N, C-alpha and C. Protein backbone atom coordinates (compact mmCIF):
# COMPACT_ATOMS: atom_id res chain seq x y z
N MET A 1 -30.94 53.72 -7.17
CA MET A 1 -32.00 52.73 -7.05
C MET A 1 -31.40 51.33 -7.15
N ILE A 2 -31.80 50.45 -6.23
CA ILE A 2 -31.30 49.08 -6.20
C ILE A 2 -32.22 48.20 -7.02
N GLU A 3 -31.62 47.48 -7.93
CA GLU A 3 -32.42 46.57 -8.77
C GLU A 3 -32.51 45.22 -8.06
N MET A 4 -33.69 44.73 -7.90
CA MET A 4 -33.91 43.45 -7.22
C MET A 4 -33.80 42.31 -8.23
N MET A 5 -33.20 41.24 -7.78
CA MET A 5 -33.09 40.05 -8.60
C MET A 5 -34.43 39.32 -8.54
N PRO A 6 -34.90 38.78 -9.65
CA PRO A 6 -36.13 37.97 -9.61
C PRO A 6 -35.92 36.78 -8.67
N ALA A 7 -36.99 36.32 -8.04
CA ALA A 7 -36.91 35.23 -7.06
C ALA A 7 -36.28 33.98 -7.65
N VAL A 8 -36.62 33.67 -8.89
CA VAL A 8 -36.08 32.46 -9.53
C VAL A 8 -34.57 32.58 -9.66
N ASP A 9 -34.08 33.73 -10.11
CA ASP A 9 -32.64 33.93 -10.24
C ASP A 9 -31.95 33.85 -8.88
N PHE A 10 -32.58 34.42 -7.86
CA PHE A 10 -31.99 34.39 -6.53
C PHE A 10 -31.88 32.96 -6.02
N LEU A 11 -32.93 32.16 -6.20
CA LEU A 11 -32.89 30.76 -5.77
C LEU A 11 -31.82 29.99 -6.52
N HIS A 12 -31.72 30.25 -7.82
CA HIS A 12 -30.69 29.59 -8.62
C HIS A 12 -29.30 29.99 -8.13
N TYR A 13 -29.11 31.28 -7.89
CA TYR A 13 -27.82 31.79 -7.42
C TYR A 13 -27.49 31.22 -6.04
N SER A 14 -28.47 31.17 -5.12
CA SER A 14 -28.19 30.65 -3.78
C SER A 14 -27.89 29.16 -3.83
N LYS A 15 -28.54 28.43 -4.74
CA LYS A 15 -28.24 27.00 -4.89
C LYS A 15 -26.82 26.80 -5.38
N ILE A 16 -26.39 27.62 -6.33
CA ILE A 16 -25.02 27.54 -6.84
C ILE A 16 -24.04 27.84 -5.70
N MET A 17 -24.33 28.87 -4.92
CA MET A 17 -23.44 29.22 -3.81
C MET A 17 -23.39 28.11 -2.78
N LEU A 18 -24.55 27.51 -2.49
CA LEU A 18 -24.59 26.41 -1.54
C LEU A 18 -23.77 25.24 -2.06
N ASP A 19 -23.94 24.94 -3.33
CA ASP A 19 -23.18 23.84 -3.93
C ASP A 19 -21.68 24.13 -3.89
N GLU A 20 -21.28 25.37 -4.16
CA GLU A 20 -19.86 25.71 -4.10
C GLU A 20 -19.34 25.61 -2.68
N THR A 21 -20.14 26.05 -1.71
CA THR A 21 -19.74 25.95 -0.31
C THR A 21 -19.61 24.50 0.10
N THR A 22 -20.57 23.69 -0.32
CA THR A 22 -20.52 22.26 -0.01
C THR A 22 -19.30 21.63 -0.65
N LEU A 23 -19.04 21.96 -1.90
CA LEU A 23 -17.88 21.41 -2.58
C LEU A 23 -16.58 21.85 -1.90
N GLU A 24 -16.53 23.12 -1.51
CA GLU A 24 -15.33 23.60 -0.84
C GLU A 24 -15.11 22.87 0.48
N GLN A 25 -16.18 22.64 1.23
CA GLN A 25 -16.06 21.93 2.50
C GLN A 25 -15.63 20.49 2.28
N ARG A 26 -16.22 19.86 1.26
CA ARG A 26 -15.83 18.49 0.94
C ARG A 26 -14.37 18.42 0.53
N LEU A 27 -13.91 19.42 -0.23
CA LEU A 27 -12.51 19.47 -0.65
C LEU A 27 -11.60 19.63 0.56
N VAL A 28 -11.97 20.50 1.49
CA VAL A 28 -11.18 20.68 2.72
C VAL A 28 -11.11 19.36 3.48
N ASN A 29 -12.25 18.68 3.63
CA ASN A 29 -12.27 17.39 4.32
C ASN A 29 -11.39 16.36 3.62
N LEU A 30 -11.46 16.35 2.31
CA LEU A 30 -10.65 15.41 1.52
C LEU A 30 -9.16 15.71 1.70
N GLU A 31 -8.79 16.98 1.64
CA GLU A 31 -7.39 17.36 1.82
C GLU A 31 -6.89 16.97 3.21
N GLN A 32 -7.73 17.15 4.23
CA GLN A 32 -7.34 16.77 5.60
C GLN A 32 -7.16 15.26 5.71
N THR A 33 -8.05 14.51 5.07
CA THR A 33 -7.94 13.05 5.10
C THR A 33 -6.68 12.58 4.40
N VAL A 34 -6.38 13.15 3.24
CA VAL A 34 -5.17 12.78 2.51
C VAL A 34 -3.93 13.11 3.34
N ALA A 35 -3.93 14.26 3.98
CA ALA A 35 -2.80 14.66 4.81
C ALA A 35 -2.63 13.66 5.97
N GLU A 36 -3.73 13.24 6.58
CA GLU A 36 -3.66 12.27 7.67
C GLU A 36 -3.14 10.92 7.18
N LEU A 37 -3.61 10.49 6.02
CA LEU A 37 -3.12 9.23 5.45
C LEU A 37 -1.63 9.29 5.14
N LYS A 38 -1.18 10.42 4.61
CA LYS A 38 0.25 10.60 4.35
C LYS A 38 1.05 10.54 5.64
N ARG A 39 0.52 11.20 6.69
CA ARG A 39 1.21 11.19 7.98
C ARG A 39 1.31 9.76 8.52
N LEU A 40 0.21 9.00 8.41
CA LEU A 40 0.22 7.62 8.89
C LEU A 40 1.18 6.75 8.08
N LEU A 41 1.22 7.00 6.79
CA LEU A 41 2.11 6.23 5.92
C LEU A 41 3.57 6.49 6.25
N ILE A 42 3.89 7.75 6.49
CA ILE A 42 5.26 8.11 6.82
C ILE A 42 5.65 7.53 8.18
N ALA A 43 4.69 7.53 9.12
CA ALA A 43 4.97 7.05 10.47
C ALA A 43 5.03 5.52 10.54
N ALA A 44 4.44 4.84 9.57
CA ALA A 44 4.41 3.38 9.58
C ALA A 44 5.81 2.82 9.39
N PRO A 45 6.11 1.75 10.11
CA PRO A 45 7.43 1.15 9.92
C PRO A 45 7.57 0.59 8.50
N THR A 46 8.74 0.74 7.96
CA THR A 46 9.00 0.24 6.62
C THR A 46 9.11 -1.27 6.67
N PRO A 47 8.26 -1.96 5.91
CA PRO A 47 8.31 -3.42 5.96
C PRO A 47 9.59 -3.93 5.29
N SER A 48 10.08 -5.01 5.83
CA SER A 48 11.24 -5.64 5.20
C SER A 48 10.74 -6.42 3.98
N ASN A 49 11.57 -7.20 3.44
CA ASN A 49 11.22 -8.02 2.29
C ASN A 49 9.95 -8.82 2.61
N TRP A 50 8.90 -8.66 1.81
CA TRP A 50 7.62 -9.31 2.10
C TRP A 50 7.76 -10.84 2.10
N LEU A 51 8.66 -11.35 1.30
CA LEU A 51 8.83 -12.79 1.25
C LEU A 51 9.39 -13.32 2.56
N GLU A 52 10.30 -12.56 3.15
CA GLU A 52 10.85 -12.94 4.44
C GLU A 52 9.78 -12.94 5.52
N LYS A 53 8.80 -12.04 5.39
CA LYS A 53 7.73 -11.97 6.38
C LYS A 53 6.84 -13.19 6.34
N VAL A 54 6.56 -13.73 5.14
CA VAL A 54 5.62 -14.85 5.05
C VAL A 54 6.31 -16.21 5.08
N THR A 55 7.60 -16.24 4.82
CA THR A 55 8.31 -17.51 4.85
C THR A 55 8.22 -18.11 6.24
N GLY A 56 7.75 -19.34 6.31
CA GLY A 56 7.64 -20.01 7.60
C GLY A 56 6.37 -19.68 8.36
N SER A 57 5.48 -18.87 7.76
CA SER A 57 4.26 -18.51 8.48
C SER A 57 3.26 -19.65 8.52
N ILE A 58 3.42 -20.63 7.64
CA ILE A 58 2.54 -21.80 7.66
C ILE A 58 3.31 -22.93 8.33
N SER A 59 2.93 -23.19 9.57
CA SER A 59 3.70 -24.16 10.35
C SER A 59 3.24 -25.59 10.11
N ASP A 60 2.03 -25.78 9.62
CA ASP A 60 1.52 -27.13 9.41
C ASP A 60 1.21 -27.33 7.93
N GLU A 61 2.13 -27.98 7.23
CA GLU A 61 1.99 -28.14 5.79
C GLU A 61 0.75 -28.95 5.43
N GLN A 62 0.41 -29.95 6.22
CA GLN A 62 -0.76 -30.78 5.93
C GLN A 62 -2.05 -29.94 5.95
N VAL A 63 -2.16 -29.05 6.93
CA VAL A 63 -3.33 -28.18 7.01
C VAL A 63 -3.36 -27.24 5.80
N PHE A 64 -2.20 -26.74 5.42
CA PHE A 64 -2.12 -25.86 4.26
C PHE A 64 -2.61 -26.58 3.00
N LEU A 65 -2.20 -27.83 2.82
CA LEU A 65 -2.63 -28.60 1.65
C LEU A 65 -4.15 -28.83 1.69
N GLN A 66 -4.70 -29.04 2.88
CA GLN A 66 -6.15 -29.19 3.01
C GLN A 66 -6.87 -27.89 2.63
N VAL A 67 -6.30 -26.77 3.02
CA VAL A 67 -6.88 -25.47 2.66
C VAL A 67 -6.86 -25.29 1.14
N LEU A 68 -5.77 -25.67 0.50
CA LEU A 68 -5.69 -25.58 -0.96
C LEU A 68 -6.76 -26.44 -1.63
N GLU A 69 -6.94 -27.67 -1.13
CA GLU A 69 -7.96 -28.56 -1.68
C GLU A 69 -9.36 -27.98 -1.48
N TYR A 70 -9.60 -27.41 -0.30
CA TYR A 70 -10.89 -26.80 -0.01
C TYR A 70 -11.16 -25.64 -0.97
N GLY A 71 -10.17 -24.80 -1.20
CA GLY A 71 -10.32 -23.68 -2.12
C GLY A 71 -10.61 -24.16 -3.53
N GLU A 72 -9.92 -25.21 -3.95
CA GLU A 72 -10.15 -25.75 -5.28
C GLU A 72 -11.57 -26.31 -5.41
N SER A 73 -12.04 -26.99 -4.37
CA SER A 73 -13.40 -27.53 -4.42
C SER A 73 -14.44 -26.40 -4.49
N LEU A 74 -14.18 -25.31 -3.81
CA LEU A 74 -15.09 -24.16 -3.88
C LEU A 74 -15.11 -23.56 -5.28
N ARG A 75 -13.94 -23.47 -5.91
CA ARG A 75 -13.87 -22.92 -7.26
C ARG A 75 -14.63 -23.81 -8.26
N HIS A 76 -14.55 -25.11 -8.06
CA HIS A 76 -15.19 -26.05 -8.98
C HIS A 76 -16.67 -26.24 -8.68
N ALA A 77 -17.14 -25.85 -7.52
CA ALA A 77 -18.53 -26.08 -7.12
C ALA A 77 -19.52 -25.35 -8.01
N ASP A 78 -19.16 -24.20 -8.54
CA ASP A 78 -20.08 -23.42 -9.36
C ASP A 78 -20.02 -23.79 -10.84
N ARG A 79 -19.13 -24.65 -11.20
CA ARG A 79 -19.01 -25.01 -12.62
C ARG A 79 -20.08 -26.02 -13.00
N PRO A 80 -20.54 -25.94 -14.24
CA PRO A 80 -21.50 -26.96 -14.70
C PRO A 80 -20.83 -28.33 -14.71
N THR A 81 -21.61 -29.38 -14.60
CA THR A 81 -21.07 -30.74 -14.50
C THR A 81 -20.25 -31.16 -15.70
N ASP A 82 -20.65 -30.74 -16.89
CA ASP A 82 -19.89 -31.15 -18.07
C ASP A 82 -18.50 -30.51 -18.08
N GLU A 83 -18.35 -29.33 -17.50
CA GLU A 83 -17.04 -28.67 -17.42
C GLU A 83 -16.11 -29.40 -16.46
N THR A 84 -16.64 -29.84 -15.33
CA THR A 84 -15.80 -30.50 -14.35
C THR A 84 -15.40 -31.89 -14.82
N SER A 85 -16.28 -32.57 -15.57
CA SER A 85 -15.94 -33.91 -16.03
C SER A 85 -14.88 -33.86 -17.12
N ASP A 86 -14.80 -32.75 -17.88
CA ASP A 86 -13.78 -32.63 -18.91
C ASP A 86 -12.39 -32.47 -18.32
N GLN A 87 -12.29 -31.92 -17.11
CA GLN A 87 -10.98 -31.61 -16.52
C GLN A 87 -10.43 -32.75 -15.66
N THR A 88 -11.17 -33.84 -15.52
CA THR A 88 -10.65 -34.95 -14.70
C THR A 88 -9.91 -35.94 -15.52
């Protein structure tokens, strides 16, 4: 004689199985993505010294100084007035 599982137990069991299947599929997808990222990393050219790459990349020093001033003004724009007057 076959004993039937109560409906509540069956629903609980099927939900667990679905969750495990979903988790397993997500794990497979994650492993494939990691493998692809590793493959891309290995295939990527090895960068030389990063400093050598950026040295000379700013051809107009005056524009660079203006960018620095602009960034500083943005940083100070959100400060309360009493804070900015203390630093001048």
